[in-house]
N, C-alpha and C. Protein backbone atom coordinates (compact mmCIF):
# COMPACT_ATOMS: atom_id res chain seq x y z
N MET A 1 0.82 -1.20 0.00
CA MET A 1 0.00 0.00 0.00
C MET A 1 0.86 1.25 0.00
N ALA A 2 1.93 1.24 0.78
CA ALA A 2 2.80 2.41 0.86
C ALA A 2 3.51 2.65 -0.47
N ASP A 3 3.83 1.57 -1.19
CA ASP A 3 4.49 1.70 -2.48
C ASP A 3 3.57 2.36 -3.50
N GLU A 4 2.28 2.01 -3.46
CA GLU A 4 1.32 2.63 -4.37
C GLU A 4 1.15 4.11 -4.08
N GLN A 5 1.17 4.50 -2.81
CA GLN A 5 1.06 5.91 -2.46
C GLN A 5 2.30 6.68 -2.94
N GLY A 6 3.44 6.06 -2.88
CA GLY A 6 4.66 6.70 -3.38
C GLY A 6 4.60 6.92 -4.87
N LYS A 7 4.03 5.94 -5.60
CA LYS A 7 3.88 6.09 -7.05
C LYS A 7 2.89 7.21 -7.37
N LEU A 8 1.80 7.29 -6.61
CA LEU A 8 0.82 8.36 -6.84
C LEU A 8 1.41 9.73 -6.52
N ALA A 9 2.21 9.81 -5.48
CA ALA A 9 2.84 11.08 -5.13
C ALA A 9 3.82 11.51 -6.23
N ALA A 10 4.57 10.55 -6.76
CA ALA A 10 5.51 10.87 -7.84
C ALA A 10 4.75 11.31 -9.09
N LEU A 11 3.62 10.66 -9.38
CA LEU A 11 2.81 11.06 -10.53
C LEU A 11 2.22 12.44 -10.32
N GLY A 12 1.78 12.73 -9.09
CA GLY A 12 1.22 14.04 -8.79
C GLY A 12 2.22 15.16 -8.93
N SER A 13 3.48 14.91 -8.63
CA SER A 13 4.49 15.96 -8.79
C SER A 13 4.98 16.05 -10.23
N ALA A 14 4.79 14.99 -11.02
CA ALA A 14 5.23 15.01 -12.42
C ALA A 14 4.22 15.72 -13.32
N ILE A 15 2.96 15.75 -12.94
CA ILE A 15 1.95 16.38 -13.80
C ILE A 15 2.20 17.88 -13.97
N PRO A 16 2.47 18.67 -12.92
CA PRO A 16 2.76 20.09 -13.15
C PRO A 16 4.00 20.31 -14.01
N VAL A 17 5.00 19.44 -13.87
CA VAL A 17 6.20 19.57 -14.68
C VAL A 17 5.86 19.32 -16.15
N ALA A 18 5.05 18.30 -16.40
CA ALA A 18 4.66 17.99 -17.77
C ALA A 18 3.81 19.12 -18.36
N LEU A 19 2.92 19.69 -17.57
CA LEU A 19 2.11 20.81 -18.06
C LEU A 19 2.97 22.03 -18.35
N ARG A 20 3.92 22.32 -17.47
CA ARG A 20 4.81 23.47 -17.68
C ARG A 20 5.64 23.27 -18.93
N ARG A 21 6.19 22.09 -19.11
CA ARG A 21 6.99 21.83 -20.31
C ARG A 21 6.14 21.85 -21.57
N SER A 22 4.92 21.33 -21.50
CA SER A 22 4.04 21.35 -22.67
C SER A 22 3.68 22.78 -23.06
N LEU A 23 3.35 23.61 -22.06
CA LEU A 23 3.04 25.01 -22.35
C LEU A 23 4.26 25.72 -22.91
N ALA A 24 5.43 25.43 -22.38
CA ALA A 24 6.65 26.06 -22.87
C ALA A 24 6.91 25.67 -24.33
N LEU A 25 6.78 24.39 -24.65
CA LEU A 25 7.03 23.96 -26.02
C LEU A 25 5.98 24.48 -26.98
N LEU A 26 4.72 24.51 -26.56
CA LEU A 26 3.67 25.09 -27.41
C LEU A 26 3.90 26.58 -27.64
N SER A 27 4.32 27.29 -26.62
CA SER A 27 4.59 28.71 -26.76
C SER A 27 5.76 28.95 -27.71
N MET A 28 6.80 28.15 -27.56
CA MET A 28 7.96 28.32 -28.44
C MET A 28 7.61 27.96 -29.88
N PHE A 29 6.78 26.95 -30.06
CA PHE A 29 6.33 26.59 -31.40
C PHE A 29 5.49 27.72 -32.00
N ALA A 30 4.56 28.27 -31.21
CA ALA A 30 3.72 29.36 -31.71
C ALA A 30 4.56 30.60 -32.02
N GLY A 31 5.51 30.91 -31.15
CA GLY A 31 6.39 32.05 -31.41
C GLY A 31 7.23 31.85 -32.66
N GLY A 32 7.77 30.67 -32.83
CA GLY A 32 8.55 30.37 -34.03
C GLY A 32 7.70 30.44 -35.29
N TRP A 33 6.48 29.94 -35.19
CA TRP A 33 5.58 29.99 -36.34
C TRP A 33 5.23 31.43 -36.70
N LEU A 34 4.97 32.26 -35.71
CA LEU A 34 4.65 33.66 -35.98
C LEU A 34 5.85 34.39 -36.59
N ILE A 35 7.06 34.10 -36.10
CA ILE A 35 8.26 34.70 -36.68
C ILE A 35 8.42 34.25 -38.13
N PHE A 36 8.21 32.96 -38.37
CA PHE A 36 8.31 32.44 -39.73
C PHE A 36 7.29 33.10 -40.64
N MET A 37 6.05 33.22 -40.18
CA MET A 37 5.01 33.83 -41.00
C MET A 37 5.28 35.32 -41.22
N SER A 38 5.85 35.99 -40.24
CA SER A 38 6.18 37.41 -40.40
C SER A 38 7.32 37.59 -41.39
N ALA A 39 8.24 36.64 -41.42
CA ALA A 39 9.37 36.75 -42.35
C ALA A 39 8.97 36.45 -43.78
N THR A 40 7.93 35.64 -43.97
CA THR A 40 7.53 35.25 -45.33
C THR A 40 6.43 36.13 -45.89
N SER A 41 5.90 37.03 -45.09
CA SER A 41 4.86 37.93 -45.59
C SER A 41 5.15 39.33 -45.06
N VAL A 42 4.18 40.20 -45.18
CA VAL A 42 4.35 41.56 -44.67
C VAL A 42 4.47 41.48 -43.15
N ALA A 43 5.55 41.97 -42.62
CA ALA A 43 5.80 41.87 -41.18
C ALA A 43 4.95 42.88 -40.42
N ASN A 44 4.22 42.38 -39.46
CA ASN A 44 3.45 43.23 -38.56
C ASN A 44 4.25 43.35 -37.28
N PRO A 45 4.66 44.56 -36.89
CA PRO A 45 5.49 44.69 -35.69
C PRO A 45 4.84 44.12 -34.43
N ARG A 46 3.53 44.20 -34.33
CA ARG A 46 2.85 43.65 -33.16
C ARG A 46 3.01 42.13 -33.09
N LEU A 47 2.95 41.46 -34.24
CA LEU A 47 3.12 40.01 -34.24
C LEU A 47 4.56 39.62 -33.92
N VAL A 48 5.51 40.43 -34.34
CA VAL A 48 6.91 40.14 -34.02
C VAL A 48 7.13 40.28 -32.51
N VAL A 49 6.53 41.30 -31.89
CA VAL A 49 6.63 41.47 -30.43
C VAL A 49 5.98 40.28 -29.72
N LEU A 50 4.79 39.88 -30.18
CA LEU A 50 4.11 38.73 -29.58
C LEU A 50 4.94 37.46 -29.73
N ALA A 51 5.48 37.24 -30.92
CA ALA A 51 6.26 36.03 -31.17
C ALA A 51 7.52 36.00 -30.31
N THR A 52 8.18 37.14 -30.18
CA THR A 52 9.38 37.21 -29.35
C THR A 52 9.04 36.93 -27.89
N GLY A 53 7.92 37.48 -27.43
CA GLY A 53 7.48 37.21 -26.06
C GLY A 53 7.19 35.74 -25.84
N TYR A 54 6.56 35.09 -26.81
CA TYR A 54 6.26 33.67 -26.67
C TYR A 54 7.54 32.83 -26.69
N LEU A 55 8.48 33.17 -27.57
CA LEU A 55 9.74 32.42 -27.62
C LEU A 55 10.52 32.55 -26.31
N LEU A 56 10.67 33.78 -25.83
CA LEU A 56 11.41 33.99 -24.59
C LEU A 56 10.66 33.42 -23.38
N GLY A 57 9.35 33.58 -23.35
CA GLY A 57 8.56 33.04 -22.25
C GLY A 57 8.62 31.53 -22.19
N GLY A 58 8.55 30.88 -23.34
CA GLY A 58 8.66 29.43 -23.38
C GLY A 58 10.03 28.96 -22.92
N ALA A 59 11.08 29.67 -23.33
CA ALA A 59 12.43 29.32 -22.89
C ALA A 59 12.58 29.52 -21.39
N LEU A 60 11.99 30.58 -20.86
CA LEU A 60 12.05 30.81 -19.41
C LEU A 60 11.34 29.70 -18.65
N LEU A 61 10.20 29.26 -19.17
CA LEU A 61 9.48 28.16 -18.50
C LEU A 61 10.31 26.88 -18.50
N LEU A 62 11.02 26.64 -19.57
CA LEU A 62 11.84 25.43 -19.64
C LEU A 62 13.04 25.49 -18.69
N TYR A 63 13.67 26.65 -18.61
CA TYR A 63 14.92 26.74 -17.86
C TYR A 63 14.78 27.30 -16.45
N ALA A 64 13.62 27.80 -16.10
CA ALA A 64 13.44 28.39 -14.76
C ALA A 64 13.65 27.35 -13.66
N ALA A 65 13.22 26.13 -13.90
CA ALA A 65 13.39 25.09 -12.88
C ALA A 65 14.87 24.74 -12.71
N ARG A 66 15.63 24.76 -13.79
CA ARG A 66 17.07 24.46 -13.69
C ARG A 66 17.80 25.56 -12.92
N TRP A 67 17.35 26.78 -13.07
CA TRP A 67 17.98 27.91 -12.37
C TRP A 67 17.44 28.07 -10.96
N HIS A 68 16.46 27.26 -10.59
CA HIS A 68 15.83 27.29 -9.27
C HIS A 68 15.23 28.67 -8.96
N VAL A 69 14.59 29.25 -9.96
CA VAL A 69 13.94 30.55 -9.76
C VAL A 69 12.43 30.47 -9.94
N LEU A 70 11.90 29.30 -10.22
CA LEU A 70 10.46 29.14 -10.37
C LEU A 70 9.87 28.93 -8.99
N THR A 71 9.49 30.00 -8.35
CA THR A 71 8.98 29.97 -6.99
C THR A 71 7.57 30.55 -6.97
N ALA A 72 7.01 30.60 -5.79
CA ALA A 72 5.68 31.20 -5.65
C ALA A 72 5.73 32.69 -6.03
N TRP A 73 6.83 33.36 -5.73
CA TRP A 73 6.98 34.78 -6.07
C TRP A 73 6.95 34.99 -7.58
N THR A 74 7.71 34.20 -8.34
CA THR A 74 7.73 34.37 -9.79
C THR A 74 6.41 33.97 -10.42
N SER A 75 5.81 32.91 -9.92
CA SER A 75 4.50 32.49 -10.44
C SER A 75 3.43 33.53 -10.11
N GLY A 76 3.49 34.09 -8.91
CA GLY A 76 2.54 35.13 -8.52
C GLY A 76 2.69 36.38 -9.36
N ALA A 77 3.94 36.76 -9.65
CA ALA A 77 4.15 37.94 -10.50
C ALA A 77 3.59 37.71 -11.89
N ALA A 78 3.77 36.51 -12.43
CA ALA A 78 3.22 36.21 -13.75
C ALA A 78 1.69 36.22 -13.71
N ALA A 79 1.12 35.65 -12.65
CA ALA A 79 -0.35 35.60 -12.55
C ALA A 79 -0.95 36.98 -12.34
N LEU A 80 -0.23 37.86 -11.66
CA LEU A 80 -0.75 39.22 -11.44
C LEU A 80 -0.57 40.12 -12.65
N LEU A 81 0.53 39.96 -13.37
CA LEU A 81 0.77 40.84 -14.50
C LEU A 81 -0.08 40.46 -15.72
N ALA A 82 -0.54 39.22 -15.81
CA ALA A 82 -1.35 38.82 -16.96
C ALA A 82 -2.63 39.67 -17.07
N PRO A 83 -3.49 39.73 -16.06
CA PRO A 83 -4.68 40.58 -16.21
C PRO A 83 -4.35 42.08 -16.16
N ALA A 84 -3.32 42.44 -15.38
CA ALA A 84 -2.97 43.86 -15.29
C ALA A 84 -2.43 44.37 -16.62
N GLY A 85 -1.54 43.62 -17.23
CA GLY A 85 -0.98 44.03 -18.52
C GLY A 85 -2.01 44.03 -19.62
N THR A 86 -2.88 43.02 -19.62
CA THR A 86 -3.93 42.97 -20.64
C THR A 86 -4.89 44.14 -20.47
N GLY A 87 -5.26 44.41 -19.22
CA GLY A 87 -6.16 45.55 -18.97
C GLY A 87 -5.52 46.87 -19.34
N ALA A 88 -4.26 47.04 -18.99
CA ALA A 88 -3.57 48.30 -19.32
C ALA A 88 -3.38 48.44 -20.82
N SER A 89 -3.19 47.33 -21.51
CA SER A 89 -3.00 47.42 -22.96
C SER A 89 -4.27 47.85 -23.68
N LEU A 90 -5.41 47.72 -23.01
CA LEU A 90 -6.65 48.16 -23.64
C LEU A 90 -6.71 49.69 -23.75
N LEU A 91 -5.82 50.37 -23.05
CA LEU A 91 -5.75 51.82 -23.19
C LEU A 91 -5.13 52.23 -24.52
N VAL A 92 -4.38 51.30 -25.14
CA VAL A 92 -3.77 51.57 -26.44
C VAL A 92 -4.86 51.49 -27.50
N ARG A 93 -5.13 52.61 -28.11
CA ARG A 93 -6.18 52.67 -29.13
C ARG A 93 -5.54 52.75 -30.49
N ASP A 94 -5.87 51.80 -31.32
CA ASP A 94 -5.31 51.74 -32.66
C ASP A 94 -6.09 52.67 -33.57
N GLN A 95 -5.39 53.24 -34.52
CA GLN A 95 -6.06 54.07 -35.51
C GLN A 95 -7.10 53.23 -36.23
N GLY A 96 -8.23 53.81 -36.47
CA GLY A 96 -9.30 53.08 -37.14
C GLY A 96 -8.92 52.68 -38.54
N SER A 97 -9.56 51.64 -39.00
CA SER A 97 -9.30 51.17 -40.36
C SER A 97 -10.60 51.21 -41.16
N PRO A 98 -10.61 51.94 -42.25
CA PRO A 98 -11.82 51.99 -43.08
C PRO A 98 -11.87 50.80 -44.02
N ALA A 99 -13.06 50.30 -44.21
CA ALA A 99 -13.31 49.26 -45.21
C ALA A 99 -14.29 49.85 -46.22
N ALA A 100 -14.82 49.03 -47.08
CA ALA A 100 -15.70 49.55 -48.13
C ALA A 100 -16.93 50.24 -47.54
N PHE A 101 -17.58 49.60 -46.57
CA PHE A 101 -18.79 50.18 -46.00
C PHE A 101 -18.80 50.12 -44.48
N SER A 102 -17.62 50.20 -43.85
CA SER A 102 -17.56 50.17 -42.39
C SER A 102 -16.28 50.85 -41.92
N TYR A 103 -16.23 51.07 -40.60
CA TYR A 103 -15.06 51.67 -39.97
C TYR A 103 -14.86 50.94 -38.65
N THR A 104 -13.61 50.55 -38.36
CA THR A 104 -13.33 49.74 -37.17
C THR A 104 -12.29 50.44 -36.29
N LEU A 105 -12.57 50.47 -34.99
CA LEU A 105 -11.61 50.92 -33.99
C LEU A 105 -11.20 49.70 -33.16
N ARG A 106 -9.92 49.65 -32.77
CA ARG A 106 -9.42 48.50 -32.01
C ARG A 106 -8.63 48.99 -30.81
N ARG A 107 -8.61 48.14 -29.76
CA ARG A 107 -7.83 48.42 -28.55
C ARG A 107 -7.07 47.17 -28.16
N GLY A 108 -5.88 47.38 -27.59
CA GLY A 108 -5.08 46.26 -27.09
C GLY A 108 -3.69 46.24 -27.68
N TYR A 109 -2.78 45.58 -26.95
CA TYR A 109 -1.42 45.42 -27.43
C TYR A 109 -0.84 44.16 -26.83
N PRO A 110 -0.19 43.33 -27.54
CA PRO A 110 0.20 43.39 -28.93
C PRO A 110 -0.91 43.01 -29.90
N LEU A 111 -1.92 42.30 -29.45
CA LEU A 111 -3.06 42.01 -30.33
C LEU A 111 -4.23 42.91 -29.95
N HIS A 112 -5.20 42.98 -30.81
CA HIS A 112 -6.39 43.79 -30.53
C HIS A 112 -7.39 42.93 -29.77
N ALA A 113 -7.54 43.23 -28.48
CA ALA A 113 -8.41 42.42 -27.63
C ALA A 113 -9.86 42.91 -27.65
N MET A 114 -10.08 44.15 -28.08
CA MET A 114 -11.44 44.69 -28.18
C MET A 114 -11.55 45.49 -29.47
N HIS A 115 -12.76 45.52 -29.99
CA HIS A 115 -12.98 46.29 -31.21
C HIS A 115 -14.44 46.73 -31.28
N LYS A 116 -14.66 47.70 -32.12
CA LYS A 116 -16.03 48.06 -32.47
C LYS A 116 -16.04 48.52 -33.91
N THR A 117 -17.10 48.13 -34.59
CA THR A 117 -17.24 48.40 -36.03
C THR A 117 -18.60 49.00 -36.28
N ALA A 118 -18.62 50.00 -37.13
CA ALA A 118 -19.89 50.63 -37.50
C ALA A 118 -19.98 50.70 -39.02
N PRO A 119 -21.14 50.36 -39.55
CA PRO A 119 -21.30 50.46 -40.99
C PRO A 119 -21.62 51.90 -41.41
N GLY A 120 -21.34 52.19 -42.65
CA GLY A 120 -21.65 53.50 -43.20
C GLY A 120 -21.26 53.55 -44.66
N GLU A 121 -21.97 54.37 -45.42
CA GLU A 121 -21.67 54.46 -46.85
C GLU A 121 -20.36 55.20 -47.09
N THR A 122 -20.00 56.09 -46.18
CA THR A 122 -18.72 56.78 -46.26
C THR A 122 -18.03 56.68 -44.89
N VAL A 123 -16.75 56.99 -44.85
CA VAL A 123 -16.00 56.91 -43.60
C VAL A 123 -16.54 57.89 -42.56
N PRO A 124 -16.85 59.15 -42.91
CA PRO A 124 -17.40 60.05 -41.88
C PRO A 124 -18.73 59.58 -41.29
N ILE A 125 -19.58 58.99 -42.11
CA ILE A 125 -20.85 58.46 -41.60
C ILE A 125 -20.59 57.28 -40.66
N ALA A 126 -19.66 56.41 -41.03
CA ALA A 126 -19.33 55.26 -40.17
C ALA A 126 -18.68 55.72 -38.87
N ARG A 127 -17.81 56.73 -38.93
CA ARG A 127 -17.19 57.25 -37.70
C ARG A 127 -18.24 57.84 -36.77
N ALA A 128 -19.20 58.53 -37.34
CA ALA A 128 -20.27 59.10 -36.52
C ALA A 128 -21.11 58.00 -35.89
N ALA A 129 -21.29 56.89 -36.57
CA ALA A 129 -22.09 55.79 -36.05
C ALA A 129 -21.35 55.01 -34.96
N LEU A 130 -20.02 55.18 -34.84
CA LEU A 130 -19.25 54.45 -33.84
C LEU A 130 -19.61 54.84 -32.41
N ASP A 131 -20.15 56.03 -32.22
CA ASP A 131 -20.50 56.47 -30.87
C ASP A 131 -21.58 55.59 -30.24
N ASP A 132 -22.45 55.05 -31.06
CA ASP A 132 -23.57 54.24 -30.56
C ASP A 132 -23.24 52.76 -30.45
N VAL A 133 -22.08 52.35 -30.92
CA VAL A 133 -21.72 50.93 -30.96
C VAL A 133 -20.89 50.59 -29.72
N PRO A 134 -21.22 49.50 -29.01
CA PRO A 134 -20.41 49.12 -27.84
C PRO A 134 -19.12 48.40 -28.26
N TRP A 135 -18.15 48.41 -27.36
CA TRP A 135 -16.92 47.67 -27.58
C TRP A 135 -17.20 46.18 -27.41
N ARG A 136 -16.64 45.36 -28.29
CA ARG A 136 -16.80 43.91 -28.22
C ARG A 136 -15.46 43.25 -27.96
N PRO A 137 -15.43 42.33 -27.00
CA PRO A 137 -14.15 41.64 -26.73
C PRO A 137 -13.86 40.57 -27.78
N ASP A 138 -12.60 40.38 -28.04
CA ASP A 138 -12.13 39.28 -28.87
C ASP A 138 -11.39 38.34 -27.92
N TRP A 139 -12.07 37.31 -27.45
CA TRP A 139 -11.57 36.47 -26.37
C TRP A 139 -10.29 35.73 -26.75
N GLY A 140 -10.16 35.32 -27.99
CA GLY A 140 -8.93 34.64 -28.41
C GLY A 140 -7.72 35.55 -28.33
N HIS A 141 -7.87 36.76 -28.84
CA HIS A 141 -6.77 37.72 -28.77
C HIS A 141 -6.50 38.15 -27.33
N ALA A 142 -7.56 38.27 -26.53
CA ALA A 142 -7.37 38.63 -25.12
C ALA A 142 -6.60 37.54 -24.37
N ALA A 143 -6.89 36.28 -24.67
CA ALA A 143 -6.15 35.17 -24.03
C ALA A 143 -4.69 35.16 -24.49
N ALA A 144 -4.45 35.43 -25.77
CA ALA A 144 -3.07 35.49 -26.27
C ALA A 144 -2.33 36.66 -25.63
N ASP A 145 -3.00 37.80 -25.46
CA ASP A 145 -2.39 38.95 -24.77
C ASP A 145 -2.09 38.62 -23.32
N ALA A 146 -3.02 37.94 -22.65
CA ALA A 146 -2.81 37.59 -21.24
C ALA A 146 -1.60 36.68 -21.09
N LEU A 147 -1.42 35.72 -21.99
CA LEU A 147 -0.25 34.84 -21.94
C LEU A 147 1.03 35.65 -22.18
N PHE A 148 0.99 36.57 -23.13
CA PHE A 148 2.14 37.43 -23.40
C PHE A 148 2.52 38.23 -22.16
N TRP A 149 1.53 38.85 -21.51
CA TRP A 149 1.81 39.66 -20.33
C TRP A 149 2.21 38.80 -19.14
N ALA A 150 1.71 37.56 -19.06
CA ALA A 150 2.16 36.65 -18.00
C ALA A 150 3.64 36.32 -18.19
N TYR A 151 4.05 36.11 -19.43
CA TYR A 151 5.47 35.86 -19.69
C TYR A 151 6.31 37.09 -19.36
N CYS A 152 5.78 38.28 -19.61
CA CYS A 152 6.51 39.51 -19.22
C CYS A 152 6.66 39.57 -17.71
N GLY A 153 5.62 39.23 -16.96
CA GLY A 153 5.70 39.21 -15.51
C GLY A 153 6.68 38.16 -15.02
N LEU A 154 6.68 37.00 -15.66
CA LEU A 154 7.63 35.94 -15.29
C LEU A 154 9.06 36.39 -15.54
N ALA A 155 9.30 37.01 -16.68
CA ALA A 155 10.65 37.49 -17.00
C ALA A 155 11.10 38.55 -15.99
N PHE A 156 10.21 39.47 -15.64
CA PHE A 156 10.55 40.50 -14.67
C PHE A 156 10.88 39.88 -13.31
N ALA A 157 10.04 38.95 -12.86
CA ALA A 157 10.26 38.33 -11.55
C ALA A 157 11.54 37.51 -11.53
N ILE A 158 11.85 36.82 -12.63
CA ILE A 158 13.09 36.04 -12.68
C ILE A 158 14.31 36.97 -12.66
N LEU A 159 14.24 38.08 -13.39
CA LEU A 159 15.35 39.03 -13.36
C LEU A 159 15.56 39.61 -11.97
N VAL A 160 14.48 39.94 -11.29
CA VAL A 160 14.59 40.47 -9.93
C VAL A 160 15.17 39.41 -9.00
N THR A 161 14.71 38.18 -9.12
CA THR A 161 15.21 37.10 -8.28
C THR A 161 16.69 36.86 -8.51
N LEU A 162 17.11 36.83 -9.76
CA LEU A 162 18.53 36.63 -10.05
C LEU A 162 19.38 37.81 -9.57
N ALA A 163 18.86 39.02 -9.69
CA ALA A 163 19.60 40.19 -9.21
C ALA A 163 19.75 40.16 -7.69
N VAL A 164 18.67 39.80 -6.99
CA VAL A 164 18.74 39.73 -5.53
C VAL A 164 19.72 38.65 -5.10
N ARG A 165 19.71 37.51 -5.78
CA ARG A 165 20.65 36.44 -5.44
C ARG A 165 22.09 36.87 -5.68
N SER A 166 22.34 37.55 -6.79
CA SER A 166 23.71 37.97 -7.08
C SER A 166 24.18 39.03 -6.10
N LEU A 167 23.28 39.91 -5.66
CA LEU A 167 23.66 40.94 -4.68
C LEU A 167 23.87 40.33 -3.29
N SER A 168 23.13 39.30 -2.96
CA SER A 168 23.27 38.70 -1.63
C SER A 168 24.53 37.85 -1.52
N LYS A 169 25.07 37.40 -2.65
CA LYS A 169 26.31 36.63 -2.63
C LYS A 169 27.51 37.54 -2.38
N ASN A 170 27.39 38.79 -2.75
CA ASN A 170 28.52 39.73 -2.59
C ASN A 170 28.60 40.28 -1.23
């Protein structure tokens, strides 16, 4: 019976490691794919920033355990900066984009997490109609932004942790 409990305990501690590694590898794959797509087509600076964040964040997730810096403090910083960074990025308002019979305003960085679109026969008519249209969330982009900002929080917390460790050794 005790041997079975030991196996269950080992499995229970291996699951978070497997999830962390899976998220890291998926993030690095997504970041690499975005970099590849940006290099083969018109480069969007926002996508390059997102891809770089995913590549570095995935690498940090893989190596943070080896550096012994993945603690409650670093995880908490990542968890706190994800909604804070996403919320603060909604203050970034992108210039509207006119289409044939509509006008769209977007908010968010690096992706547009909220938008509103108003139809109109001309751009001035569509812009005037935007006042009555509510902002709509784009949940997929908001989740991608939250992951990006979580990686920014993780990177910041790891840098602070490494700096404190290096100062305490001196």
